[in-house]
Amino acid sequence: MAWNNVLCMYYSRTGNTKRAMEEIARSLNAELVELSDGVDRSGTKGWLRSGLDAVRRSSPKVQFKTKWPLSDYRLVIVGTPVWAGRCSAPVRGFLKQNGRDIRNAAYVATRGSEDKNEEVFQQMDLYTPCGHRAAVSLRVGSVGWEFWQEDFVRQAREFLKEGRWQPPAEN
């Protein structure tokens, strides 16, 4: 087991969060895993359903497959689109079901509005006892997208260099 493992997990309805997480995973040489809740969220009907799920704070069961248990990763970066000022329902479901297993978290939120929706990070922390080490809110199509994404990667690298993370005890 390599103790410097980084995991990038995300949900993406339109592909924007996927693109951001692919770039971050590539920059950090991280494992990339997509979350799925098995719900068709495409088109206008899917957009409406997604917004309603966010407002209701739905937490669907999600499927994912990682190389190791979540607690074995040095850093888990969770990517989510912002839906109605909240994290996506699939990400909320993932964090509610698995957040306690994450030792160090970082968050990436993608949004379409001018509002940074940084309260989404505190919403996600409700399900992740460790809180987050870094976070970034990226606006789709913004000229600042690359700058803020690179700044996030820099923050993640700094955290990983600090070496404060300890591997789980052997059973």
Foldseek 3Di string as FASTA:
>chain_A
DDQAAEEEEEEDLPCPQVVLSVVLCVLVVHHYKYKDLPDNLDDPVSLVVFLVCFVVLAQGAIDIDDPDFQLSHQEYEYEAEQHPLEGTNPLSNCLQVRQQSHQEYEYEYEYADPDQSPVNQVVSCVSHVNRYQYYGYAHPPDPCRVVRSVVRSVSVVVVSVVPPGDGDDDD
